[in-house]
Amino acid sequence: MNAAGNPFDTPQIRAEFPFAAAVDVWPGVRRITAPNPGLMTGPGTNTYLVGSRQVLVIDPASDAPAHLAAIKRAVGDAISAVLVTHAHPDHAPGARELARDCGVPVYGSGIALAGVSTPGFAPDRMLADGDTLPTDAGPLRALRTPGHAADHICYLLETQRLLFAGDHLMDGTTVVIAPPDGDMAAYLASLRRLQQEPIERIAPGHGRLMEGAQATLQHVIDHRLAREAAILKALEGGRGRSIPDLVAELYAAVPKALHALAELSVYAHLIKLAAEGRVQGDGRAAVWRRVV
């Protein structure tokens, strides 16, 4: 932990995730770490450069001058487009300025919610599920994956079986699903959809490259379903419970500093369960009960 109390900005982490430097992480793929380390972003958001002669930049993340300069220095005039996985403010702020400076378009889903998306961000071109963009590292296919965010897109580098996962999957931790932009039912459906794709490894939006993609997908699904089962069990007996009450019980082993984030995901689970007719409640401040 550094002097400011940030456990994700230590000398050891900075040596592995240096700012303003392009690091090879896979053949034809480089990573530049954005200077935004923290509780929600880990070592910082990963900006990926895919290809060497026909480069796609995924998630420029920060509009910090040093970060954008590092991207431009690494890609030179080989950049062909800027892509975003979703418009959250730790992924999209640098997209428009980088695209303007390089004279290339920004691709994304075009869906965004007020209050959670990068202010003023909109893609030049909207990607449909299955759209493919060329790079000299191989074709990159867009996969619509709502759940963490309504506009979320993953990108599959098909020849390498490498998934650029944005915030759909993370290294060493679970993803926060925060309604209304986050949707637990959609998230689980997107995970199951990815199981049908030929994915072997994951390049997450934060943290290290992850091998064993199919095992990771199943683990995340199992974890979410186990959390759902624990919520239903905690609501047994007909006693109404608030979300903070549920989190205090279900996340007792988790530092209290993370409980506010856990409340968002528990709320997302409850919304899903209510839609299925398994619980009753209306709103984050509600008392929730199991339907029997």
C-alpha atoms as a PDB file:
ATOM      1  CA  MET A   1       0.000   0.000   0.000  1.00  0.00           C
ATOM      2  CA  ASN A   2       1.361   3.416  -0.910  1.00  0.00           C
ATOM      3  CA  ALA A   3       1.440   6.526   1.247  1.00  0.00           C
ATOM      4  CA  ALA A   4      -2.018   7.527   0.040  1.00  0.00           C
ATOM      5  CA  GLY A   5      -3.440   4.185   1.197  1.00  0.00           C
ATOM      6  CA  ASN A   6      -3.924   2.743  -2.291  1.00  0.00           C
ATOM      7  CA  PRO A   7      -3.112  -1.002  -2.268  1.00  0.00           C
ATOM      8  CA  PHE A   8      -3.061  -1.058  -6.080  1.00  0.00           C
ATOM      9  CA  ASP A   9      -0.308   1.539  -6.477  1.00  0.00           C
ATOM     10  CA  THR A  10       2.765  -0.049  -4.938  1.00  0.00           C
ATOM     11  CA  PRO A  11       6.273  -0.303  -6.421  1.00  0.00           C
ATOM     12  CA  GLN A  12       5.707  -4.010  -7.124  1.00  0.00           C
ATOM     13  CA  ILE A  13       2.466  -3.392  -9.004  1.00  0.00           C
ATOM     14  CA  ARG A  14       3.882  -0.432 -10.887  1.00  0.00           C
ATOM     15  CA  ALA A  15       6.800  -2.593 -12.049  1.00  0.00           C
ATOM     16  CA  GLU A  16       4.301  -5.029 -13.604  1.00  0.00           C
ATOM     17  CA  PHE A  17       1.814  -2.378 -14.740  1.00  0.00           C
ATOM     18  CA  PRO A  18       3.879   0.693 -15.635  1.00  0.00           C
ATOM     19  CA  PHE A  19       2.092   3.846 -16.723  1.00  0.00           C
ATOM     20  CA  ALA A  20       2.766   5.283 -20.189  1.00  0.00           C
ATOM     21  CA  ALA A  21       4.584   2.167 -21.414  1.00  0.00           C
ATOM     22  CA  ALA A  22       3.487  -0.460 -23.960  1.00  0.00           C
ATOM     23  CA  VAL A  23       3.970  -3.981 -22.578  1.00  0.00           C
ATOM     24  CA  ASP A  24       3.709  -7.126 -24.733  1.00  0.00           C
ATOM     25  CA  VAL A  25       1.083  -9.437 -23.203  1.00  0.00           C
ATOM     26  CA  TRP A  26       0.399 -11.792 -26.138  1.00  0.00           C
ATOM     27  CA  PRO A  27       1.643 -12.080 -29.726  1.00  0.00           C
ATOM     28  CA  GLY A  28       0.270  -9.053 -31.551  1.00  0.00           C
ATOM     29  CA  VAL A  29      -1.179  -7.532 -28.359  1.00  0.00           C
ATOM     30  CA  ARG A  30       0.273  -4.792 -26.153  1.00  0.00           C
ATOM     31  CA  ARG A  31      -1.082  -3.212 -22.973  1.00  0.00           C
ATOM     32  CA  ILE A  32      -0.708   0.333 -21.678  1.00  0.00           C
ATOM     33  CA  THR A  33      -1.958   0.852 -18.126  1.00  0.00           C
ATOM     34  CA  ALA A  34      -4.002   3.997 -17.527  1.00  0.00           C
ATOM     35  CA  PRO A  35      -2.967   6.166 -14.541  1.00  0.00           C
ATOM     36  CA  ASN A  36      -6.169   5.492 -12.568  1.00  0.00           C
ATOM     37  CA  PRO A  37      -5.370   2.800  -9.986  1.00  0.00           C
ATOM     38  CA  GLY A  38      -7.866   2.272  -7.186  1.00  0.00           C
ATOM     39  CA  LEU A  39     -10.443   0.090  -5.498  1.00  0.00           C
ATOM     40  CA  MET A  40     -12.615  -0.170  -8.620  1.00  0.00           C
ATOM     41  CA  THR A  41      -9.826  -0.189 -11.192  1.00  0.00           C
ATOM     42  CA  GLY A  42      -7.061  -2.281  -9.606  1.00  0.00           C
ATOM     43  CA  PRO A  43      -3.626  -1.382 -11.035  1.00  0.00           C
ATOM     44  CA  GLY A  44      -5.380   0.876 -13.563  1.00  0.00           C
ATOM     45  CA  THR A  45      -7.522   0.327 -16.645  1.00  0.00           C
ATOM     46  CA  ASN A  46      -5.898  -1.736 -19.380  1.00  0.00           C
ATOM     47  CA  THR A  47      -5.703  -0.089 -22.793  1.00  0.00           C
ATOM     48  CA  TYR A  48      -4.996  -2.758 -25.414  1.00  0.00           C
ATOM     49  CA  LEU A  49      -3.258  -2.263 -28.757  1.00  0.00           C
ATOM     50  CA  VAL A  50      -4.203  -5.085 -31.132  1.00  0.00           C
ATOM     51  CA  GLY A  51      -1.976  -5.508 -34.180  1.00  0.00           C
ATOM     52  CA  SER A  52       1.168  -3.725 -35.290  1.00  0.00           C
ATOM     53  CA  ARG A  53       0.527  -2.497 -38.853  1.00  0.00           C
ATOM     54  CA  GLN A  54      -3.282  -2.153 -38.626  1.00  0.00           C
ATOM     55  CA  VAL A  55      -3.897  -1.364 -34.971  1.00  0.00           C
ATOM     56  CA  LEU A  56      -7.169  -1.296 -33.053  1.00  0.00           C
ATOM     57  CA  VAL A  57      -7.006   0.502 -29.696  1.00  0.00           C
ATOM     58  CA  ILE A  58      -9.411  -0.931 -27.111  1.00  0.00           C
ATOM     59  CA  ASP A  59     -10.489   1.248 -24.157  1.00  0.00           C
ATOM     60  CA  PRO A  60      -8.243   4.344 -24.222  1.00  0.00           C
ATOM     61  CA  ALA A  61      -9.557   4.796 -20.667  1.00  0.00           C
ATOM     62  CA  SER A  62      -7.930   7.976 -19.388  1.00  0.00           C
ATOM     63  CA  ASP A  63      -7.654  11.331 -21.141  1.00  0.00           C
ATOM     64  CA  ALA A  64      -4.484  12.112 -19.163  1.00  0.00           C
ATOM     65  CA  PRO A  65      -2.004  13.642 -21.627  1.00  0.00           C
ATOM     66  CA  ALA A  66       0.777  11.218 -20.732  1.00  0.00           C
ATOM     67  CA  HIS A  67      -1.505   8.223 -21.327  1.00  0.00           C
ATOM     68  CA  LEU A  68      -2.742   9.443 -24.707  1.00  0.00           C
ATOM     69  CA  ALA A  69       0.814  10.369 -25.714  1.00  0.00           C
ATOM     70  CA  ALA A  70       1.981   6.849 -24.830  1.00  0.00           C
ATOM     71  CA  ILE A  71      -0.744   5.314 -27.013  1.00  0.00           C
ATOM     72  CA  LYS A  72       0.097   7.554 -29.959  1.00  0.00           C
ATOM     73  CA  ARG A  73       3.808   6.892 -29.532  1.00  0.00           C
ATOM     74  CA  ALA A  74       3.197   3.125 -29.537  1.00  0.00           C
ATOM     75  CA  VAL A  75       0.860   2.992 -32.551  1.00  0.00           C
ATOM     76  CA  GLY A  76       2.329   5.770 -34.709  1.00  0.00           C
ATOM     77  CA  ASP A  77       0.275   6.131 -37.881  1.00  0.00           C
ATOM     78  CA  ALA A  78      -0.818   2.465 -37.872  1.00  0.00           C
ATOM     79  CA  ILE A  79      -3.983   3.038 -35.864  1.00  0.00           C
ATOM     80  CA  SER A  80      -7.195   2.222 -37.766  1.00  0.00           C
ATOM     81  CA  ALA A  81      -9.882   2.681 -35.094  1.00  0.00           C
ATOM     82  CA  VAL A  82     -10.640   3.199 -31.426  1.00  0.00           C
ATOM     83  CA  LEU A  83     -12.956   0.726 -29.685  1.00  0.00           C
ATOM     84  CA  VAL A  84     -14.654   0.912 -26.307  1.00  0.00           C
ATOM     85  CA  THR A  85     -16.055  -2.003 -24.319  1.00  0.00           C
ATOM     86  CA  HIS A  86     -18.466   0.332 -22.487  1.00  0.00           C
ATOM     87  CA  ALA A  87     -18.828   3.988 -21.684  1.00  0.00           C
ATOM     88  CA  HIS A  88     -18.064   3.958 -17.954  1.00  0.00           C
ATOM     89  CA  PRO A  89     -15.700   6.767 -16.906  1.00  0.00           C
ATOM     90  CA  ASP A  90     -12.719   4.462 -16.341  1.00  0.00           C
ATOM     91  CA  HIS A  91     -12.863   3.106 -19.916  1.00  0.00           C
ATOM     92  CA  ALA A  92     -14.006   5.751 -22.405  1.00  0.00           C
ATOM     93  CA  PRO A  93     -12.718   9.254 -21.513  1.00  0.00           C
ATOM     94  CA  GLY A  94      -9.680   9.123 -23.806  1.00  0.00           C
ATOM     95  CA  ALA A  95     -11.545   7.724 -26.814  1.00  0.00           C
ATOM     96  CA  ARG A  96     -12.785  10.896 -28.501  1.00  0.00           C
ATOM     97  CA  GLU A  97      -9.563  12.885 -28.110  1.00  0.00           C
ATOM     98  CA  LEU A  98      -7.399   9.995 -29.320  1.00  0.00           C
ATOM     99  CA  ALA A  99      -9.657   9.387 -32.331  1.00  0.00           C
ATOM    100  CA  ARG A 100      -9.680  13.073 -33.219  1.00  0.00           C
ATOM    101  CA  ASP A 101      -5.907  13.391 -32.961  1.00  0.00           C
ATOM    102  CA  CYS A 102      -5.368  10.284 -35.095  1.00  0.00           C
ATOM    103  CA  GLY A 103      -8.189  10.901 -37.579  1.00  0.00           C
ATOM    104  CA  VAL A 104      -9.923   7.557 -36.986  1.00  0.00           C
ATOM    105  CA  PRO A 105     -13.456   6.552 -35.897  1.00  0.00           C
ATOM    106  CA  VAL A 106     -14.640   5.404 -32.470  1.00  0.00           C
ATOM    107  CA  TYR A 107     -16.646   2.179 -32.337  1.00  0.00           C
ATOM    108  CA  GLY A 108     -19.026   1.143 -29.543  1.00  0.00           C
ATOM    109  CA  SER A 109     -22.582   0.075 -28.834  1.00  0.00           C
ATOM    110  CA  GLY A 110     -24.216   3.508 -28.724  1.00  0.00           C
ATOM    111  CA  ILE A 111     -26.247   2.588 -25.612  1.00  0.00           C
ATOM    112  CA  ALA A 112     -25.613   4.683 -22.516  1.00  0.00           C
ATOM    113  CA  LEU A 113     -27.364   5.701 -19.307  1.00  0.00           C
ATOM    114  CA  ALA A 114     -27.245   9.192 -17.865  1.00  0.00           C
ATOM    115  CA  GLY A 115     -25.194   9.460 -14.693  1.00  0.00           C
ATOM    116  CA  VAL A 116     -23.013   6.398 -15.252  1.00  0.00           C
ATOM    117  CA  SER A 117     -21.515   6.913 -18.715  1.00  0.00           C
ATOM    118  CA  THR A 118     -18.630   9.188 -19.670  1.00  0.00           C
ATOM    119  CA  PRO A 119     -20.161  12.668 -20.155  1.00  0.00           C
ATOM    120  CA  GLY A 120     -20.493  13.579 -23.814  1.00  0.00           C
ATOM    121  CA  PHE A 121     -19.280  10.222 -25.072  1.00  0.00           C
ATOM    122  CA  ALA A 122     -20.896   8.680 -28.144  1.00  0.00           C
ATOM    123  CA  PRO A 123     -19.312   6.392 -30.744  1.00  0.00           C
ATOM    124  CA  ASP A 124     -19.014   7.452 -34.366  1.00  0.00           C
ATOM    125  CA  ARG A 125     -20.100   4.008 -35.480  1.00  0.00           C
ATOM    126  CA  MET A 126     -22.290   1.522 -33.640  1.00  0.00           C
ATOM    127  CA  LEU A 127     -21.312  -2.124 -33.569  1.00  0.00           C
ATOM    128  CA  ALA A 128     -23.879  -4.883 -33.866  1.00  0.00           C
ATOM    129  CA  ASP A 129     -23.338  -8.286 -32.325  1.00  0.00           C
ATOM    130  CA  GLY A 130     -21.040 -10.283 -34.585  1.00  0.00           C
ATOM    131  CA  ASP A 131     -19.532  -7.328 -36.458  1.00  0.00           C
ATOM    132  CA  THR A 132     -15.891  -7.982 -37.333  1.00  0.00           C
ATOM    133  CA  LEU A 133     -13.015  -5.519 -37.648  1.00  0.00           C
ATOM    134  CA  PRO A 134      -9.690  -6.360 -39.335  1.00  0.00           C
ATOM    135  CA  THR A 135      -6.248  -6.215 -37.741  1.00  0.00           C
ATOM    136  CA  ASP A 136      -2.959  -7.724 -38.851  1.00  0.00           C
ATOM    137  CA  ALA A 137      -3.168  -9.889 -35.707  1.00  0.00           C
ATOM    138  CA  GLY A 138      -6.401 -11.413 -37.059  1.00  0.00           C
ATOM    139  CA  PRO A 139     -10.094 -10.478 -37.170  1.00  0.00           C
ATOM    140  CA  LEU A 140     -11.673  -8.994 -34.056  1.00  0.00           C
ATOM    141  CA  ARG A 141     -15.350  -9.873 -33.513  1.00  0.00           C
ATOM    142  CA  ALA A 142     -17.742  -7.816 -31.373  1.00  0.00           C
ATOM    143  CA  LEU A 143     -19.835  -9.751 -28.847  1.00  0.00           C
ATOM    144  CA  ARG A 144     -22.670  -7.873 -27.146  1.00  0.00           C
ATOM    145  CA  THR A 145     -22.450  -8.738 -23.446  1.00  0.00           C
ATOM    146  CA  PRO A 146     -24.854  -6.624 -21.355  1.00  0.00           C
ATOM    147  CA  GLY A 147     -24.778  -7.191 -17.617  1.00  0.00           C
ATOM    148  CA  HIS A 148     -22.097  -5.088 -15.969  1.00  0.00           C
ATOM    149  CA  ALA A 149     -23.302  -2.270 -18.221  1.00  0.00           C
ATOM    150  CA  ALA A 150     -26.154  -2.053 -20.687  1.00  0.00           C
ATOM    151  CA  ASP A 151     -23.769  -1.060 -23.491  1.00  0.00           C
ATOM    152  CA  HIS A 152     -21.058  -3.645 -22.796  1.00  0.00           C
ATOM    153  CA  ILE A 153     -19.218  -5.279 -25.692  1.00  0.00           C
ATOM    154  CA  CYS A 154     -16.442  -7.866 -25.501  1.00  0.00           C
ATOM    155  CA  TYR A 155     -14.078  -8.355 -28.430  1.00  0.00           C
ATOM    156  CA  LEU A 156     -12.826 -11.766 -29.542  1.00  0.00           C
ATOM    157  CA  LEU A 157      -9.505 -12.023 -31.381  1.00  0.00           C
ATOM    158  CA  GLU A 158     -10.596 -15.178 -33.135  1.00  0.00           C
ATOM    159  CA  THR A 159      -7.305 -16.602 -34.401  1.00  0.00           C
ATOM    160  CA  GLN A 160      -5.793 -16.277 -30.906  1.00  0.00           C
ATOM    161  CA  ARG A 161      -8.986 -17.292 -29.044  1.00  0.00           C
ATOM    162  CA  LEU A 162      -8.353 -14.257 -26.863  1.00  0.00           C
ATOM    163  CA  LEU A 163     -11.275 -12.309 -25.379  1.00  0.00           C
ATOM    164  CA  PHE A 164     -10.915  -8.619 -24.535  1.00  0.00           C
ATOM    165  CA  ALA A 165     -13.419  -8.673 -21.695  1.00  0.00           C
ATOM    166  CA  GLY A 166     -13.637  -5.073 -20.497  1.00  0.00           C
ATOM    167  CA  ASP A 167     -15.405  -5.261 -17.133  1.00  0.00           C
ATOM    168  CA  HIS A 168     -17.342  -8.435 -17.906  1.00  0.00           C
ATOM    169  CA  LEU A 169     -14.636 -10.530 -16.232  1.00  0.00           C
ATOM    170  CA  MET A 170     -11.812  -9.456 -13.945  1.00  0.00           C
ATOM    171  CA  ASP A 171      -8.529 -10.834 -12.711  1.00  0.00           C
ATOM    172  CA  GLY A 172      -8.822 -12.046  -9.112  1.00  0.00           C
ATOM    173  CA  THR A 173     -12.190 -10.567  -8.219  1.00  0.00           C
ATOM    174  CA  THR A 174     -15.844 -10.441  -9.183  1.00  0.00           C
ATOM    175  CA  VAL A 175     -17.549  -7.704 -11.181  1.00  0.00           C
ATOM    176  CA  VAL A 176     -19.876  -5.184  -9.570  1.00  0.00           C
ATOM    177  CA  ILE A 177     -23.369  -5.276 -11.072  1.00  0.00           C
ATOM    178  CA  ALA A 178     -24.948  -1.920 -10.219  1.00  0.00           C
ATOM    179  CA  PRO A 179     -28.585  -1.324 -11.263  1.00  0.00           C
ATOM    180  CA  PRO A 180     -30.060   0.199 -13.323  1.00  0.00           C
ATOM    181  CA  ASP A 181     -27.126   0.046 -15.765  1.00  0.00           C
ATOM    182  CA  GLY A 182     -26.149  -3.340 -14.367  1.00  0.00           C
ATOM    183  CA  ASP A 183     -28.523  -6.282 -14.804  1.00  0.00           C
ATOM    184  CA  MET A 184     -27.849  -9.629 -13.132  1.00  0.00           C
ATOM    185  CA  ALA A 185     -30.106 -11.681 -15.397  1.00  0.00           C
ATOM    186  CA  ALA A 186     -28.438 -10.170 -18.463  1.00  0.00           C
ATOM    187  CA  TYR A 187     -25.000 -10.714 -16.913  1.00  0.00           C
ATOM    188  CA  LEU A 188     -25.585 -14.442 -16.363  1.00  0.00           C
ATOM    189  CA  ALA A 189     -27.030 -14.786 -19.862  1.00  0.00           C
ATOM    190  CA  SER A 190     -23.948 -13.074 -21.324  1.00  0.00           C
ATOM    191  CA  LEU A 191     -21.620 -15.377 -19.386  1.00  0.00           C
ATOM    192  CA  ARG A 192     -23.460 -18.407 -20.745  1.00  0.00           C
ATOM    193  CA  ARG A 193     -23.325 -16.950 -24.235  1.00  0.00           C
ATOM    194  CA  LEU A 194     -19.529 -16.622 -23.952  1.00  0.00           C
ATOM    195  CA  GLN A 195     -19.318 -20.310 -23.002  1.00  0.00           C
ATOM    196  CA  GLN A 196     -20.471 -21.073 -26.542  1.00  0.00           C
ATOM    197  CA  GLU A 197     -17.548 -19.166 -28.064  1.00  0.00           C
ATOM    198  CA  PRO A 198     -14.059 -20.615 -28.772  1.00  0.00           C
ATOM    199  CA  ILE A 199     -12.351 -18.640 -25.997  1.00  0.00           C
ATOM    200  CA  GLU A 200      -9.201 -19.918 -24.305  1.00  0.00           C
ATOM    201  CA  ARG A 201      -7.828 -16.826 -22.569  1.00  0.00           C
ATOM    202  CA  ILE A 202      -9.099 -13.486 -21.292  1.00  0.00           C
ATOM    203  CA  ALA A 203      -7.580 -10.017 -21.441  1.00  0.00           C
ATOM    204  CA  PRO A 204      -9.548  -8.224 -18.704  1.00  0.00           C
ATOM    205  CA  GLY A 205     -10.094  -4.499 -18.385  1.00  0.00           C
ATOM    206  CA  HIS A 206      -8.141  -4.572 -15.119  1.00  0.00           C
ATOM    207  CA  GLY A 207      -5.329  -6.905 -14.101  1.00  0.00           C
ATOM    208  CA  ARG A 208      -3.422  -9.754 -15.709  1.00  0.00           C
ATOM    209  CA  LEU A 209      -4.125 -11.973 -18.695  1.00  0.00           C
ATOM    210  CA  MET A 210      -6.194 -14.970 -17.589  1.00  0.00           C
ATOM    211  CA  GLU A 211      -5.758 -18.483 -18.986  1.00  0.00           C
ATOM    212  CA  GLY A 212      -8.426 -21.184 -18.720  1.00  0.00           C
ATOM    213  CA  ALA A 213     -11.284 -19.017 -19.967  1.00  0.00           C
ATOM    214  CA  GLN A 214     -13.971 -21.704 -19.927  1.00  0.00           C
ATOM    215  CA  ALA A 215     -13.184 -22.695 -16.340  1.00  0.00           C
ATOM    216  CA  THR A 216     -13.255 -19.017 -15.374  1.00  0.00           C
ATOM    217  CA  LEU A 217     -16.664 -18.506 -16.974  1.00  0.00           C
ATOM    218  CA  GLN A 218     -18.107 -21.516 -15.162  1.00  0.00           C
ATOM    219  CA  HIS A 219     -16.575 -20.410 -11.857  1.00  0.00           C
ATOM    220  CA  VAL A 220     -18.167 -16.958 -12.140  1.00  0.00           C
ATOM    221  CA  ILE A 221     -21.562 -18.455 -13.007  1.00  0.00           C
ATOM    222  CA  ASP A 222     -21.326 -20.872 -10.069  1.00  0.00           C
ATOM    223  CA  HIS A 223     -20.308 -18.051  -7.734  1.00  0.00           C
ATOM    224  CA  ARG A 224     -23.256 -15.874  -8.756  1.00  0.00           C
ATOM    225  CA  LEU A 225     -25.744 -18.730  -8.424  1.00  0.00           C
ATOM    226  CA  ALA A 226     -24.319 -19.626  -5.000  1.00  0.00           C
ATOM    227  CA  ARG A 227     -24.744 -16.004  -3.922  1.00  0.00           C
ATOM    228  CA  GLU A 228     -28.319 -16.089  -5.187  1.00  0.00           C
ATOM    229  CA  ALA A 229     -29.017 -19.284  -3.216  1.00  0.00           C
ATOM    230  CA  ALA A 230     -27.529 -17.687  -0.094  1.00  0.00           C
ATOM    231  CA  ILE A 231     -29.837 -14.671  -0.477  1.00  0.00           C
ATOM    232  CA  LEU A 232     -32.882 -16.923  -0.770  1.00  0.00           C
ATOM    233  CA  LYS A 233     -31.800 -18.903   2.300  1.00  0.00           C
ATOM    234  CA  ALA A 234     -31.299 -15.681   4.285  1.00  0.00           C
ATOM    235  CA  LEU A 235     -34.886 -14.706   3.445  1.00  0.00           C
ATOM    236  CA  GLU A 236     -36.364 -17.974   4.715  1.00  0.00           C
ATOM    237  CA  GLY A 237     -38.912 -17.869   7.499  1.00  0.00           C
ATOM    238  CA  GLY A 238     -40.914 -14.973   6.151  1.00  0.00           C
ATOM    239  CA  ARG A 239     -38.881 -12.273   7.905  1.00  0.00           C
ATOM    240  CA  GLY A 240     -38.348  -9.134   5.854  1.00  0.00           C
ATOM    241  CA  ARG A 241     -34.762  -7.954   5.527  1.00  0.00           C
ATOM    242  CA  SER A 242     -33.073  -4.876   4.143  1.00  0.00           C
ATOM    243  CA  ILE A 243     -30.163  -5.010   1.709  1.00  0.00           C
ATOM    244  CA  PRO A 244     -27.637  -3.709   4.308  1.00  0.00           C
ATOM    245  CA  ASP A 245     -28.872  -6.433   6.689  1.00  0.00           C
ATOM    246  CA  LEU A 246     -28.358  -9.112   4.033  1.00  0.00           C
ATOM    247  CA  VAL A 247     -24.897  -7.808   3.154  1.00  0.00           C
ATOM    248  CA  ALA A 248     -23.823  -7.732   6.809  1.00  0.00           C
ATOM    249  CA  GLU A 249     -24.638 -11.454   7.026  1.00  0.00           C
ATOM    250  CA  LEU A 250     -23.594 -12.704   3.601  1.00  0.00           C
ATOM    251  CA  TYR A 251     -20.404 -10.625   3.336  1.00  0.00           C
ATOM    252  CA  ALA A 252     -19.292 -10.906   6.958  1.00  0.00           C
ATOM    253  CA  ALA A 253     -15.833 -12.060   5.868  1.00  0.00           C
ATOM    254  CA  VAL A 254     -15.441  -9.156   3.421  1.00  0.00           C
ATOM    255  CA  PRO A 255     -13.940  -5.843   4.624  1.00  0.00           C
ATOM    256  CA  LYS A 256     -16.689  -3.359   5.500  1.00  0.00           C
ATOM    257  CA  ALA A 257     -15.151  -0.853   3.115  1.00  0.00           C
ATOM    258  CA  LEU A 258     -16.487  -3.069   0.308  1.00  0.00           C
ATOM    259  CA  HIS A 259     -20.004  -3.497   1.681  1.00  0.00           C
ATOM    260  CA  ALA A 260     -21.440  -0.547  -0.262  1.00  0.00           C
ATOM    261  CA  LEU A 261     -20.344  -2.228  -3.503  1.00  0.00           C
ATOM    262  CA  ALA A 262     -21.720  -5.554  -2.297  1.00  0.00           C
ATOM    263  CA  GLU A 263     -25.085  -3.892  -1.678  1.00  0.00           C
ATOM    264  CA  LEU A 264     -25.299  -3.007  -5.366  1.00  0.00           C
ATOM    265  CA  SER A 265     -24.752  -6.599  -6.466  1.00  0.00           C
ATOM    266  CA  VAL A 266     -27.191  -7.957  -3.866  1.00  0.00           C
ATOM    267  CA  TYR A 267     -29.757  -5.470  -5.147  1.00  0.00           C
ATOM    268  CA  ALA A 268     -29.138  -6.732  -8.690  1.00  0.00           C
ATOM    269  CA  HIS A 269     -29.722 -10.301  -7.500  1.00  0.00           C
ATOM    270  CA  LEU A 270     -32.949  -9.275  -5.783  1.00  0.00           C
ATOM    271  CA  ILE A 271     -34.246  -7.529  -8.905  1.00  0.00           C
ATOM    272  CA  LYS A 272     -33.625 -10.739 -10.875  1.00  0.00           C
ATOM    273  CA  LEU A 273     -35.308 -12.885  -8.221  1.00  0.00           C
ATOM    274  CA  ALA A 274     -38.296 -10.522  -8.063  1.00  0.00           C
ATOM    275  CA  ALA A 275     -38.721 -10.730 -11.836  1.00  0.00           C
ATOM    276  CA  GLU A 276     -38.791 -14.516 -11.431  1.00  0.00           C
ATOM    277  CA  GLY A 277     -41.480 -14.258  -8.740  1.00  0.00           C
ATOM    278  CA  ARG A 278     -39.214 -15.643  -6.014  1.00  0.00           C
ATOM    279  CA  VAL A 279     -38.920 -12.561  -3.779  1.00  0.00           C
ATOM    280  CA  GLN A 280     -40.916  -9.406  -3.108  1.00  0.00           C
ATOM    281  CA  GLY A 281     -39.603  -5.888  -2.657  1.00  0.00           C
ATOM    282  CA  ASP A 282     -39.467  -2.596  -4.514  1.00  0.00           C
ATOM    283  CA  GLY A 283     -36.333  -0.525  -4.523  1.00  0.00           C
ATOM    284  CA  ARG A 284     -32.926  -0.490  -2.911  1.00  0.00           C
ATOM    285  CA  ALA A 285     -34.314   0.835   0.385  1.00  0.00           C
ATOM    286  CA  ALA A 286     -37.102  -1.766   0.515  1.00  0.00           C
ATOM    287  CA  VAL A 287     -37.646  -4.598   2.929  1.00  0.00           C
ATOM    288  CA  TRP A 288     -37.364  -7.802   0.910  1.00  0.00           C
ATOM    289  CA  ARG A 289     -39.232 -11.047   1.544  1.00  0.00           C
ATOM    290  CA  ARG A 290     -39.191 -14.477  -0.009  1.00  0.00           C
ATOM    291  CA  VAL A 291     -42.277 -15.580  -1.910  1.00  0.00           C
ATOM    292  CA  VAL A 292     -43.545 -18.926  -0.638  1.00  0.00           C
END
